[in-house]
Amino acid sequence: MDAVIYKIMSKTAWDEARAAGVFLGAPVDLADGYIHFSTGSQVRETAAKHFAGLTDLVLVAVATEPLGAALRWEPSRGGALFPHLHGRLDPAAATEVVDLPLGPDGRHRFPEKIP
């Protein structure tokens, strides 16, 4: 499976997680019982489907290996396997955090290095 996964969230939520030393999840994560992530090949579709038109977002990259058994690859959209973290996320686990601005076409602009 992928060595790096991605979480899209508001800058405010990320700042709060960093201050608290833990990210428990966004409301949808808390409702589902796990933290939703996407792979590099899934994250653009995730942004379009769940974050369309939203500003003030960040893209948080997390290495999968340190997450251990709490990270599970489970079927979601159309049977595709998505990474779900069944536990808390330590913000220190982030390998990179970048702004996720909207472009002139209304779509989010991702770093070029995302697959």
PDB file of N, CA and C in Angstrom:
ATOM      1  N   MET A   1       0.836  -1.182   0.000  1.00  0.00           N
ATOM      2  CA  MET A   1       0.000   0.000   0.000  1.00  0.00           C
ATOM      3  C   MET A   1       0.885   1.250   0.000  1.00  0.00           C
ATOM      4  N   ASP A   2       0.259   2.389  -0.154  1.00  0.00           N
ATOM      5  CA  ASP A   2       0.988   3.660  -0.265  1.00  0.00           C
ATOM      6  C   ASP A   2       1.789   3.967   1.000  1.00  0.00           C
ATOM      7  N   ALA A   3       2.947   4.576   0.822  1.00  0.00           N
ATOM      8  CA  ALA A   3       3.817   4.924   1.948  1.00  0.00           C
ATOM      9  C   ALA A   3       3.405   6.236   2.601  1.00  0.00           C
ATOM     10  N   VAL A   4       2.657   7.063   1.859  1.00  0.00           N
ATOM     11  CA  VAL A   4       2.186   8.348   2.383  1.00  0.00           C
ATOM     12  C   VAL A   4       0.700   8.468   2.068  1.00  0.00           C
ATOM     13  N   ILE A   5      -0.071   8.948   3.040  1.00  0.00           N
ATOM     14  CA  ILE A   5      -1.490   9.196   2.867  1.00  0.00           C
ATOM     15  C   ILE A   5      -1.773  10.654   3.211  1.00  0.00           C
ATOM     16  N   TYR A   6      -2.976  11.121   2.866  1.00  0.00           N
ATOM     17  CA  TYR A   6      -3.284  12.540   2.979  1.00  0.00           C
ATOM     18  C   TYR A   6      -4.622  12.781   3.663  1.00  0.00           C
ATOM     19  N   LYS A   7      -4.632  13.843   4.466  1.00  0.00           N
ATOM     20  CA  LYS A   7      -5.848  14.300   5.128  1.00  0.00           C
ATOM     21  C   LYS A   7      -6.063  15.756   4.742  1.00  0.00           C
ATOM     22  N   ILE A   8      -7.261  16.061   4.281  1.00  0.00           N
ATOM     23  CA  ILE A   8      -7.638  17.437   4.004  1.00  0.00           C
ATOM     24  C   ILE A   8      -8.437  17.938   5.199  1.00  0.00           C
ATOM     25  N   MET A   9      -8.066  19.120   5.690  1.00  0.00           N
ATOM     26  CA  MET A   9      -8.806  19.693   6.815  1.00  0.00           C
ATOM     27  C   MET A   9      -8.636  21.200   6.830  1.00  0.00           C
ATOM     28  N   SER A  10      -9.432  21.856   7.643  1.00  0.00           N
ATOM     29  CA  SER A  10      -9.308  23.308   7.753  1.00  0.00           C
ATOM     30  C   SER A  10      -8.019  23.653   8.492  1.00  0.00           C
ATOM     31  N   LYS A  11      -7.493  24.815   8.179  1.00  0.00           N
ATOM     32  CA  LYS A  11      -6.303  25.282   8.894  1.00  0.00           C
ATOM     33  C   LYS A  11      -6.595  25.385  10.377  1.00  0.00           C
ATOM     34  N   THR A  12      -7.796  25.825  10.721  1.00  0.00           N
ATOM     35  CA  THR A  12      -8.185  25.959  12.126  1.00  0.00           C
ATOM     36  C   THR A  12      -8.127  24.609  12.836  1.00  0.00           C
ATOM     37  N   ALA A  13      -8.684  23.576  12.212  1.00  0.00           N
ATOM     38  CA  ALA A  13      -8.669  22.241  12.825  1.00  0.00           C
ATOM     39  C   ALA A  13      -7.238  21.748  13.003  1.00  0.00           C
ATOM     40  N   TRP A  14      -6.384  22.015  12.008  1.00  0.00           N
ATOM     41  CA  TRP A  14      -4.984  21.592  12.112  1.00  0.00           C
ATOM     42  C   TRP A  14      -4.284  22.342  13.237  1.00  0.00           C
ATOM     43  N   ASP A  15      -4.504  23.644  13.316  1.00  0.00           N
ATOM     44  CA  ASP A  15      -3.888  24.437  14.384  1.00  0.00           C
ATOM     45  C   ASP A  15      -4.350  23.962  15.758  1.00  0.00           C
ATOM     46  N   GLU A  16      -5.625  23.626  15.877  1.00  0.00           N
ATOM     47  CA  GLU A  16      -6.154  23.117  17.152  1.00  0.00           C
ATOM     48  C   GLU A  16      -5.531  21.767  17.497  1.00  0.00           C
ATOM     49  N   ALA A  17      -5.369  20.911  16.502  1.00  0.00           N
ATOM     50  CA  ALA A  17      -4.753  19.597  16.730  1.00  0.00           C
ATOM     51  C   ALA A  17      -3.312  19.755  17.193  1.00  0.00           C
ATOM     52  N   ARG A  18      -2.592  20.646  16.540  1.00  0.00           N
ATOM     53  CA  ARG A  18      -1.195  20.872  16.930  1.00  0.00           C
ATOM     54  C   ARG A  18      -1.116  21.396  18.361  1.00  0.00           C
ATOM     55  N   ALA A  19      -2.001  22.317  18.712  1.00  0.00           N
ATOM     56  CA  ALA A  19      -1.999  22.884  20.063  1.00  0.00           C
ATOM     57  C   ALA A  19      -2.351  21.835  21.113  1.00  0.00           C
ATOM     58  N   ALA A  20      -3.283  20.940  20.771  1.00  0.00           N
ATOM     59  CA  ALA A  20      -3.719  19.896  21.700  1.00  0.00           C
ATOM     60  C   ALA A  20      -2.771  18.702  21.718  1.00  0.00           C
ATOM     61  N   GLY A  21      -1.954  18.567  20.661  1.00  0.00           N
ATOM     62  CA  GLY A  21      -1.063  17.420  20.558  1.00  0.00           C
ATOM     63  C   GLY A  21      -1.746  16.161  20.076  1.00  0.00           C
ATOM     64  N   VAL A  22      -2.983  16.315  19.563  1.00  0.00           N
ATOM     65  CA  VAL A  22      -3.719  15.156  19.054  1.00  0.00           C
ATOM     66  C   VAL A  22      -4.823  15.631  18.116  1.00  0.00           C
ATOM     67  N   PHE A  23      -5.068  14.835  17.066  1.00  0.00           N
ATOM     68  CA  PHE A  23      -6.208  15.061  16.181  1.00  0.00           C
ATOM     69  C   PHE A  23      -7.123  13.862  16.333  1.00  0.00           C
ATOM     70  N   LEU A  24      -8.333  14.121  16.823  1.00  0.00           N
ATOM     71  CA  LEU A  24      -9.308  13.054  17.032  1.00  0.00           C
ATOM     72  C   LEU A  24     -10.169  12.820  15.807  1.00  0.00           C
ATOM     73  N   GLY A  25     -10.209  13.812  14.924  1.00  0.00           N
ATOM     74  CA  GLY A  25     -10.980  13.681  13.699  1.00  0.00           C
ATOM     75  C   GLY A  25     -11.930  14.832  13.495  1.00  0.00           C
ATOM     76  N   ALA A  26     -12.332  15.001  12.239  1.00  0.00           N
ATOM     77  CA  ALA A  26     -13.362  15.965  11.863  1.00  0.00           C
ATOM     78  C   ALA A  26     -14.717  15.364  12.242  1.00  0.00           C
ATOM     79  N   PRO A  27     -15.782  16.144  12.191  1.00  0.00           N
ATOM     80  CA  PRO A  27     -17.093  15.585  12.540  1.00  0.00           C
ATOM     81  C   PRO A  27     -17.443  14.293  11.801  1.00  0.00           C
ATOM     82  N   VAL A  28     -17.147  14.215  10.500  1.00  0.00           N
ATOM     83  CA  VAL A  28     -17.440  12.992   9.753  1.00  0.00           C
ATOM     84  C   VAL A  28     -16.603  11.822  10.275  1.00  0.00           C
ATOM     85  N   ASP A  29     -15.361  12.089  10.657  1.00  0.00           N
ATOM     86  CA  ASP A  29     -14.500  11.035  11.204  1.00  0.00           C
ATOM     87  C   ASP A  29     -15.068  10.516  12.523  1.00  0.00           C
ATOM     88  N   LEU A  30     -15.463  11.454  13.373  1.00  0.00           N
ATOM     89  CA  LEU A  30     -16.010  11.071  14.682  1.00  0.00           C
ATOM     90  C   LEU A  30     -17.294  10.268  14.511  1.00  0.00           C
ATOM     91  N   ALA A  31     -18.128  10.652  13.546  1.00  0.00           N
ATOM     92  CA  ALA A  31     -19.376   9.933  13.291  1.00  0.00           C
ATOM     93  C   ALA A  31     -19.114   8.520  12.777  1.00  0.00           C
ATOM     94  N   ASP A  32     -18.073   8.372  11.945  1.00  0.00           N
ATOM     95  CA  ASP A  32     -17.774   7.061  11.351  1.00  0.00           C
ATOM     96  C   ASP A  32     -16.887   6.185  12.227  1.00  0.00           C
ATOM     97  N   GLY A  33     -16.233   6.777  13.224  1.00  0.00           N
ATOM     98  CA  GLY A  33     -15.411   5.987  14.140  1.00  0.00           C
ATOM     99  C   GLY A  33     -13.972   5.799  13.705  1.00  0.00           C
ATOM    100  N   TYR A  34     -13.537   6.530  12.697  1.00  0.00           N
ATOM    101  CA  TYR A  34     -12.150   6.470  12.241  1.00  0.00           C
ATOM    102  C   TYR A  34     -11.838   7.744  11.473  1.00  0.00           C
ATOM    103  N   ILE A  35     -10.547   8.032  11.302  1.00  0.00           N
ATOM    104  CA  ILE A  35     -10.125   9.215  10.573  1.00  0.00           C
ATOM    105  C   ILE A  35      -9.928   8.842   9.101  1.00  0.00           C
ATOM    106  N   HIS A  36     -10.659   9.532   8.242  1.00  0.00           N
ATOM    107  CA  HIS A  36     -10.589   9.302   6.801  1.00  0.00           C
ATOM    108  C   HIS A  36      -9.313   9.908   6.225  1.00  0.00           C
ATOM    109  N   PHE A  37      -8.616   9.141   5.426  1.00  0.00           N
ATOM    110  CA  PHE A  37      -7.467   9.608   4.662  1.00  0.00           C
ATOM    111  C   PHE A  37      -7.689   9.229   3.203  1.00  0.00           C
ATOM    112  N   SER A  38      -6.844   9.748   2.352  1.00  0.00           N
ATOM    113  CA  SER A  38      -6.850   9.395   0.927  1.00  0.00           C
ATOM    114  C   SER A  38      -5.423   9.131   0.488  1.00  0.00           C
ATOM    115  N   THR A  39      -5.280   8.330  -0.544  1.00  0.00           N
ATOM    116  CA  THR A  39      -3.972   8.149  -1.164  1.00  0.00           C
ATOM    117  C   THR A  39      -3.725   9.329  -2.101  1.00  0.00           C
ATOM    118  N   GLY A  40      -2.535   9.411  -2.618  1.00  0.00           N
ATOM    119  CA  GLY A  40      -2.218  10.462  -3.574  1.00  0.00           C
ATOM    120  C   GLY A  40      -3.108  10.408  -4.806  1.00  0.00           C
ATOM    121  N   SER A  41      -3.469   9.220  -5.240  1.00  0.00           N
ATOM    122  CA  SER A  41      -4.308   9.103  -6.433  1.00  0.00           C
ATOM    123  C   SER A  41      -5.789   9.346  -6.134  1.00  0.00           C
ATOM    124  N   GLN A  42      -6.167   9.364  -4.864  1.00  0.00           N
ATOM    125  CA  GLN A  42      -7.564   9.568  -4.476  1.00  0.00           C
ATOM    126  C   GLN A  42      -7.860  10.983  -3.982  1.00  0.00           C
ATOM    127  N   VAL A  43      -6.824  11.715  -3.561  1.00  0.00           N
ATOM    128  CA  VAL A  43      -7.048  12.945  -2.811  1.00  0.00           C
ATOM    129  C   VAL A  43      -7.709  14.053  -3.631  1.00  0.00           C
ATOM    130  N   ARG A  44      -7.464  14.113  -4.915  1.00  0.00           N
ATOM    131  CA  ARG A  44      -8.109  15.150  -5.729  1.00  0.00           C
ATOM    132  C   ARG A  44      -9.617  14.915  -5.806  1.00  0.00           C
ATOM    133  N   GLU A  45     -10.012  13.666  -5.972  1.00  0.00           N
ATOM    134  CA  GLU A  45     -11.436  13.327  -6.010  1.00  0.00           C
ATOM    135  C   GLU A  45     -12.076  13.599  -4.645  1.00  0.00           C
ATOM    136  N   THR A  46     -11.357  13.308  -3.580  1.00  0.00           N
ATOM    137  CA  THR A  46     -11.860  13.596  -2.232  1.00  0.00           C
ATOM    138  C   THR A  46     -12.110  15.092  -2.072  1.00  0.00           C
ATOM    139  N   ALA A  47     -11.165  15.896  -2.531  1.00  0.00           N
ATOM    140  CA  ALA A  47     -11.312  17.356  -2.434  1.00  0.00           C
ATOM    141  C   ALA A  47     -12.537  17.819  -3.219  1.00  0.00           C
ATOM    142  N   ALA A  48     -12.684  17.326  -4.440  1.00  0.00           N
ATOM    143  CA  ALA A  48     -13.803  17.730  -5.288  1.00  0.00           C
ATOM    144  C   ALA A  48     -15.147  17.297  -4.710  1.00  0.00           C
ATOM    145  N   LYS A  49     -15.183  16.116  -4.124  1.00  0.00           N
ATOM    146  CA  LYS A  49     -16.444  15.565  -3.629  1.00  0.00           C
ATOM    147  C   LYS A  49     -16.841  16.134  -2.267  1.00  0.00           C
ATOM    148  N   HIS A  50     -15.889  16.287  -1.376  1.00  0.00           N
ATOM    149  CA  HIS A  50     -16.216  16.647   0.005  1.00  0.00           C
ATOM    150  C   HIS A  50     -15.815  18.061   0.421  1.00  0.00           C
ATOM    151  N   PHE A  51     -14.979  18.732  -0.375  1.00  0.00           N
ATOM    152  CA  PHE A  51     -14.467  20.050   0.020  1.00  0.00           C
ATOM    153  C   PHE A  51     -14.637  21.096  -1.084  1.00  0.00           C
ATOM    154  N   ALA A  52     -15.503  20.835  -2.049  1.00  0.00           N
ATOM    155  CA  ALA A  52     -15.695  21.735  -3.184  1.00  0.00           C
ATOM    156  C   ALA A  52     -15.994  23.153  -2.715  1.00  0.00           C
ATOM    157  N   GLY A  53     -15.233  24.105  -3.252  1.00  0.00           N
ATOM    158  CA  GLY A  53     -15.450  25.510  -2.966  1.00  0.00           C
ATOM    159  C   GLY A  53     -14.950  25.998  -1.617  1.00  0.00           C
ATOM    160  N   LEU A  54     -14.480  25.099  -0.777  1.00  0.00           N
ATOM    161  CA  LEU A  54     -14.022  25.507   0.553  1.00  0.00           C
ATOM    162  C   LEU A  54     -12.612  26.082   0.490  1.00  0.00           C
ATOM    163  N   THR A  55     -12.408  27.115   1.247  1.00  0.00           N
ATOM    164  CA  THR A  55     -11.107  27.753   1.334  1.00  0.00           C
ATOM    165  C   THR A  55     -10.532  27.510   2.721  1.00  0.00           C
ATOM    166  N   ASP A  56      -9.342  27.996   2.953  1.00  0.00           N
ATOM    167  CA  ASP A  56      -8.681  27.894   4.252  1.00  0.00           C
ATOM    168  C   ASP A  56      -8.406  26.434   4.647  1.00  0.00           C
ATOM    169  N   LEU A  57      -8.041  25.629   3.647  1.00  0.00           N
ATOM    170  CA  LEU A  57      -7.751  24.216   3.880  1.00  0.00           C
ATOM    171  C   LEU A  57      -6.256  23.951   3.832  1.00  0.00           C
ATOM    172  N   VAL A  58      -5.860  22.870   4.502  1.00  0.00           N
ATOM    173  CA  VAL A  58      -4.498  22.370   4.394  1.00  0.00           C
ATOM    174  C   VAL A  58      -4.550  20.903   3.986  1.00  0.00           C
ATOM    175  N   LEU A  59      -3.463  20.470   3.368  1.00  0.00           N
ATOM    176  CA  LEU A  59      -3.265  19.075   3.003  1.00  0.00           C
ATOM    177  C   LEU A  59      -2.165  18.544   3.905  1.00  0.00           C
ATOM    178  N   VAL A  60      -2.507  17.560   4.712  1.00  0.00           N
ATOM    179  CA  VAL A  60      -1.564  16.986   5.676  1.00  0.00           C
ATOM    180  C   VAL A  60      -1.097  15.634   5.152  1.00  0.00           C
ATOM    181  N   ALA A  61       0.203  15.498   4.964  1.00  0.00           N
ATOM    182  CA  ALA A  61       0.804  14.234   4.521  1.00  0.00           C
ATOM    183  C   ALA A  61       1.296  13.469   5.740  1.00  0.00           C
ATOM    184  N   VAL A  62       1.005  12.168   5.780  1.00  0.00           N
ATOM    185  CA  VAL A  62       1.378  11.329   6.916  1.00  0.00           C
ATOM    186  C   VAL A  62       1.977  10.031   6.379  1.00  0.00           C
ATOM    187  N   ALA A  63       3.121   9.650   6.895  1.00  0.00           N
ATOM    188  CA  ALA A  63       3.725   8.361   6.537  1.00  0.00           C
ATOM    189  C   ALA A  63       2.898   7.236   7.153  1.00  0.00           C
ATOM    190  N   THR A  64       2.667   6.188   6.392  1.00  0.00           N
ATOM    191  CA  THR A  64       1.807   5.103   6.866  1.00  0.00           C
ATOM    192  C   THR A  64       2.488   4.164   7.862  1.00  0.00           C
ATOM    193  N   GLU A  65       3.765   3.928   7.691  1.00  0.00           N
ATOM    194  CA  GLU A  65       4.451   2.928   8.520  1.00  0.00           C
ATOM    195  C   GLU A  65       4.303   3.165  10.020  1.00  0.00           C
ATOM    196  N   PRO A  66       4.512   4.391  10.526  1.00  0.00           N
ATOM    197  CA  PRO A  66       4.392   4.594  11.972  1.00  0.00           C
ATOM    198  C   PRO A  66       2.970   4.409  12.525  1.00  0.00           C
ATOM    199  N   LEU A  67       1.965   4.390  11.656  1.00  0.00           N
ATOM    200  CA  LEU A  67       0.587   4.255  12.132  1.00  0.00           C
ATOM    201  C   LEU A  67       0.263   2.821  12.535  1.00  0.00           C
ATOM    202  N   GLY A  68       1.046   1.873  12.045  1.00  0.00           N
ATOM    203  CA  GLY A  68       0.901   0.473  12.449  1.00  0.00           C
ATOM    204  C   GLY A  68      -0.465  -0.113  12.151  1.00  0.00           C
ATOM    205  N   ALA A  69      -0.911  -0.984  13.043  1.00  0.00           N
ATOM    206  CA  ALA A  69      -2.153  -1.729  12.848  1.00  0.00           C
ATOM    207  C   ALA A  69      -3.395  -0.859  12.948  1.00  0.00           C
ATOM    208  N   ALA A  70      -3.259   0.357  13.476  1.00  0.00           N
ATOM    209  CA  ALA A  70      -4.413   1.259  13.562  1.00  0.00           C
ATOM    210  C   ALA A  70      -4.849   1.744  12.179  1.00  0.00           C
ATOM    211  N   LEU A  71      -3.957   1.646  11.187  1.00  0.00           N
ATOM    212  CA  LEU A  71      -4.290   2.034   9.820  1.00  0.00           C
ATOM    213  C   LEU A  71      -4.833   0.815   9.086  1.00  0.00           C
ATOM    214  N   ARG A  72      -6.035   0.952   8.586  1.00  0.00           N
ATOM    215  CA  ARG A  72      -6.671  -0.144   7.854  1.00  0.00           C
ATOM    216  C   ARG A  72      -7.081   0.344   6.474  1.00  0.00           C
ATOM    217  N   TRP A  73      -6.928  -0.518   5.500  1.00  0.00           N
ATOM    218  CA  TRP A  73      -7.319  -0.210   4.124  1.00  0.00           C
ATOM    219  C   TRP A  73      -8.677  -0.856   3.904  1.00  0.00           C
ATOM    220  N   GLU A  74      -9.698  -0.001   3.765  1.00  0.00           N
ATOM    221  CA  GLU A  74     -11.072  -0.499   3.729  1.00  0.00           C
ATOM    222  C   GLU A  74     -11.799   0.015   2.486  1.00  0.00           C
ATOM    223  N   PRO A  75     -12.718  -0.810   1.945  1.00  0.00           N
ATOM    224  CA  PRO A  75     -13.436  -0.407   0.731  1.00  0.00           C
ATOM    225  C   PRO A  75     -14.350   0.789   0.989  1.00  0.00           C
ATOM    226  N   SER A  76     -14.387   1.653   0.011  1.00  0.00           N
ATOM    227  CA  SER A  76     -15.255   2.822   0.070  1.00  0.00           C
ATOM    228  C   SER A  76     -15.793   3.065  -1.324  1.00  0.00           C
ATOM    229  N   ARG A  77     -15.597   4.281  -1.869  1.00  0.00           N
ATOM    230  CA  ARG A  77     -16.122   4.646  -3.187  1.00  0.00           C
ATOM    231  C   ARG A  77     -15.894   3.563  -4.234  1.00  0.00           C
ATOM    232  N   GLY A  78     -16.941   3.003  -4.728  1.00  0.00           N
ATOM    233  CA  GLY A  78     -16.818   2.044  -5.817  1.00  0.00           C
ATOM    234  C   GLY A  78     -15.947   0.843  -5.491  1.00  0.00           C
ATOM    235  N   GLY A  79     -15.784   0.531  -4.215  1.00  0.00           N
ATOM    236  CA  GLY A  79     -14.979  -0.609  -3.813  1.00  0.00           C
ATOM    237  C   GLY A  79     -13.499  -0.321  -3.686  1.00  0.00           C
ATOM    238  N   ALA A  80     -13.075   0.914  -3.985  1.00  0.00           N
ATOM    239  CA  ALA A  80     -11.659   1.275  -3.842  1.00  0.00           C
ATOM    240  C   ALA A  80     -11.259   1.220  -2.375  1.00  0.00           C
ATOM    241  N   LEU A  81     -10.030   0.800  -2.115  1.00  0.00           N
ATOM    242  CA  LEU A  81      -9.540   0.750  -0.746  1.00  0.00           C
ATOM    243  C   LEU A  81      -9.037   2.131  -0.324  1.00  0.00           C
ATOM    244  N   PHE A  82      -9.561   2.613   0.785  1.00  0.00           N
ATOM    245  CA  PHE A  82      -9.151   3.897   1.344  1.00  0.00           C
ATOM    246  C   PHE A  82      -8.488   3.662   2.685  1.00  0.00           C
ATOM    247  N   PRO A  83      -7.493   4.483   3.022  1.00  0.00           N
ATOM    248  CA  PRO A  83      -6.840   4.359   4.329  1.00  0.00           C
ATOM    249  C   PRO A  83      -7.680   5.022   5.417  1.00  0.00           C
ATOM    250  N   HIS A  84      -7.960   4.253   6.461  1.00  0.00           N
ATOM    251  CA  HIS A  84      -8.721   4.740   7.603  1.00  0.00           C
ATOM    252  C   HIS A  84      -7.902   4.503   8.866  1.00  0.00           C
ATOM    253  N   LEU A  85      -7.739   5.541   9.649  1.00  0.00           N
ATOM    254  CA  LEU A  85      -6.995   5.420  10.905  1.00  0.00           C
ATOM    255  C   LEU A  85      -7.974   5.204  12.038  1.00  0.00           C
ATOM    256  N   HIS A  86      -7.915   4.026  12.631  1.00  0.00           N
ATOM    257  CA  HIS A  86      -8.772   3.679  13.759  1.00  0.00           C
ATOM    258  C   HIS A  86      -8.017   4.031  15.035  1.00  0.00           C
ATOM    259  N   GLY A  87      -8.000   5.300  15.334  1.00  0.00           N
ATOM    260  CA  GLY A  87      -7.283   5.809  16.492  1.00  0.00           C
ATOM    261  C   GLY A  87      -7.029   7.286  16.323  1.00  0.00           C
ATOM    262  N   ARG A  88      -6.228   7.823  17.186  1.00  0.00           N
ATOM    263  CA  ARG A  88      -5.884   9.239  17.171  1.00  0.00           C
ATOM    264  C   ARG A  88      -4.671   9.472  16.285  1.00  0.00           C
ATOM    265  N   LEU A  89      -4.587  10.689  15.780  1.00  0.00           N
ATOM    266  CA  LEU A  89      -3.419  11.071  14.989  1.00  0.00           C
ATOM    267  C   LEU A  89      -2.589  12.057  15.788  1.00  0.00           C
ATOM    268  N   ASP A  90      -1.342  11.722  15.990  1.00  0.00           N
ATOM    269  CA  ASP A  90      -0.397  12.645  16.608  1.00  0.00           C
ATOM    270  C   ASP A  90       0.049  13.617  15.522  1.00  0.00           C
ATOM    271  N   PRO A  91      -0.183  14.915  15.699  1.00  0.00           N
ATOM    272  CA  PRO A  91       0.228  15.873  14.666  1.00  0.00           C
ATOM    273  C   PRO A  91       1.720  15.798  14.323  1.00  0.00           C
ATOM    274  N   ALA A  92       2.526  15.314  15.232  1.00  0.00           N
ATOM    275  CA  ALA A  92       3.953  15.161  14.954  1.00  0.00           C
ATOM    276  C   ALA A  92       4.204  14.111  13.871  1.00  0.00           C
ATOM    277  N   ALA A  93       3.211  13.292  13.572  1.00  0.00           N
ATOM    278  CA  ALA A  93       3.349  12.268  12.531  1.00  0.00           C
ATOM    279  C   ALA A  93       3.285  12.870  11.126  1.00  0.00           C
ATOM    280  N   ALA A  94       2.851  14.110  11.018  1.00  0.00           N
ATOM    281  CA  ALA A  94       2.765  14.745   9.700  1.00  0.00           C
ATOM    282  C   ALA A  94       4.160  14.947   9.128  1.00  0.00           C
ATOM    283  N   THR A  95       4.342  14.525   7.902  1.00  0.00           N
ATOM    284  CA  THR A  95       5.626  14.715   7.237  1.00  0.00           C
ATOM    285  C   THR A  95       5.655  16.034   6.467  1.00  0.00           C
ATOM    286  N   GLU A  96       4.471  16.551   6.159  1.00  0.00           N
ATOM    287  CA  GLU A  96       4.368  17.826   5.454  1.00  0.00           C
ATOM    288  C   GLU A  96       2.942  18.345   5.591  1.00  0.00           C
ATOM    289  N   VAL A  97       2.824  19.657   5.694  1.00  0.00           N
ATOM    290  CA  VAL A  97       1.519  20.320   5.715  1.00  0.00           C
ATOM    291  C   VAL A  97       1.610  21.504   4.761  1.00  0.00           C
ATOM    292  N   VAL A  98       0.724  21.527   3.764  1.00  0.00           N
ATOM    293  CA  VAL A  98       0.741  22.610   2.780  1.00  0.00           C
ATOM    294  C   VAL A  98      -0.663  23.181   2.619  1.00  0.00           C
ATOM    295  N   ASP A  99      -0.716  24.459   2.270  1.00  0.00           N
ATOM    296  CA  ASP A  99      -1.995  25.087   1.975  1.00  0.00           C
ATOM    297  C   ASP A  99      -2.611  24.438   0.747  1.00  0.00           C
ATOM    298  N   LEU A 100      -3.943  24.427   0.711  1.00  0.00           N
ATOM    299  CA  LEU A 100      -4.673  23.838  -0.408  1.00  0.00           C
ATOM    300  C   LEU A 100      -5.626  24.903  -0.971  1.00  0.00           C
ATOM    301  N   PRO A 101      -5.066  25.840  -1.730  1.00  0.00           N
ATOM    302  CA  PRO A 101      -5.872  26.962  -2.223  1.00  0.00           C
ATOM    303  C   PRO A 101      -6.776  26.559  -3.388  1.00  0.00           C
ATOM    304  N   LEU A 102      -7.767  27.411  -3.624  1.00  0.00           N
ATOM    305  CA  LEU A 102      -8.615  27.246  -4.804  1.00  0.00           C
ATOM    306  C   LEU A 102      -7.977  27.972  -5.974  1.00  0.00           C
ATOM    307  N   GLY A 103      -8.053  27.360  -7.126  1.00  0.00           N
ATOM    308  CA  GLY A 103      -7.579  28.003  -8.342  1.00  0.00           C
ATOM    309  C   GLY A 103      -8.693  28.819  -8.968  1.00  0.00           C
ATOM    310  N   PRO A 104      -8.400  29.523 -10.052  1.00  0.00           N
ATOM    311  CA  PRO A 104      -9.404  30.336 -10.730  1.00  0.00           C
ATOM    312  C   PRO A 104     -10.612  29.537 -11.224  1.00  0.00           C
ATOM    313  N   ASP A 105     -10.396  28.251 -11.458  1.00  0.00           N
ATOM    314  CA  ASP A 105     -11.486  27.391 -11.929  1.00  0.00           C
ATOM    315  C   ASP A 105     -12.330  26.826 -10.789  1.00  0.00           C
ATOM    316  N   GLY A 106     -11.986  27.191  -9.529  1.00  0.00           N
ATOM    317  CA  GLY A 106     -12.753  26.724  -8.375  1.00  0.00           C
ATOM    318  C   GLY A 106     -12.299  25.382  -7.838  1.00  0.00           C
ATOM    319  N   ARG A 107     -11.282  24.798  -8.451  1.00  0.00           N
ATOM    320  CA  ARG A 107     -10.747  23.512  -7.973  1.00  0.00           C
ATOM    321  C   ARG A 107      -9.515  23.766  -7.111  1.00  0.00           C
ATOM    322  N   HIS A 108      -9.283  22.869  -6.185  1.00  0.00           N
ATOM    323  CA  HIS A 108      -8.116  23.018  -5.322  1.00  0.00           C
ATOM    324  C   HIS A 108      -6.826  22.774  -6.099  1.00  0.00           C
ATOM    325  N   ARG A 109      -5.806  23.499  -5.743  1.00  0.00           N
ATOM    326  CA  ARG A 109      -4.487  23.397  -6.369  1.00  0.00           C
ATOM    327  C   ARG A 109      -3.583  22.563  -5.475  1.00  0.00           C
ATOM    328  N   PHE A 110      -3.193  21.407  -5.981  1.00  0.00           N
ATOM    329  CA  PHE A 110      -2.355  20.473  -5.227  1.00  0.00           C
ATOM    330  C   PHE A 110      -0.889  20.653  -5.593  1.00  0.00           C
ATOM    331  N   PRO A 111      -0.004  20.313  -4.647  1.00  0.00           N
ATOM    332  CA  PRO A 111       1.426  20.326  -4.983  1.00  0.00           C
ATOM    333  C   PRO A 111       1.688  19.352  -6.130  1.00  0.00           C
ATOM    334  N   GLU A 112       2.651  19.678  -6.975  1.00  0.00           N
ATOM    335  CA  GLU A 112       2.957  18.832  -8.134  1.00  0.00           C
ATOM    336  C   GLU A 112       3.435  17.443  -7.745  1.00  0.00           C
ATOM    337  N   LYS A 113       4.032  17.302  -6.569  1.00  0.00           N
ATOM    338  CA  LYS A 113       4.602  16.004  -6.200  1.00  0.00           C
ATOM    339  C   LYS A 113       3.572  14.983  -5.751  1.00  0.00           C
ATOM    340  N   ILE A 114       2.297  15.387  -5.608  1.00  0.00           N
ATOM    341  CA  ILE A 114       1.262  14.413  -5.264  1.00  0.00           C
ATOM    342  C   ILE A 114       0.978  13.599  -6.519  1.00  0.00           C
ATOM    343  N   PRO A 115       0.989  12.260  -6.399  1.00  0.00           N
ATOM    344  CA  PRO A 115       0.739  11.435  -7.600  1.00  0.00           C
ATOM    345  C   PRO A 115      -0.595  11.735  -8.246  1.00  0.00           C
TER     346      PRO A 115
END
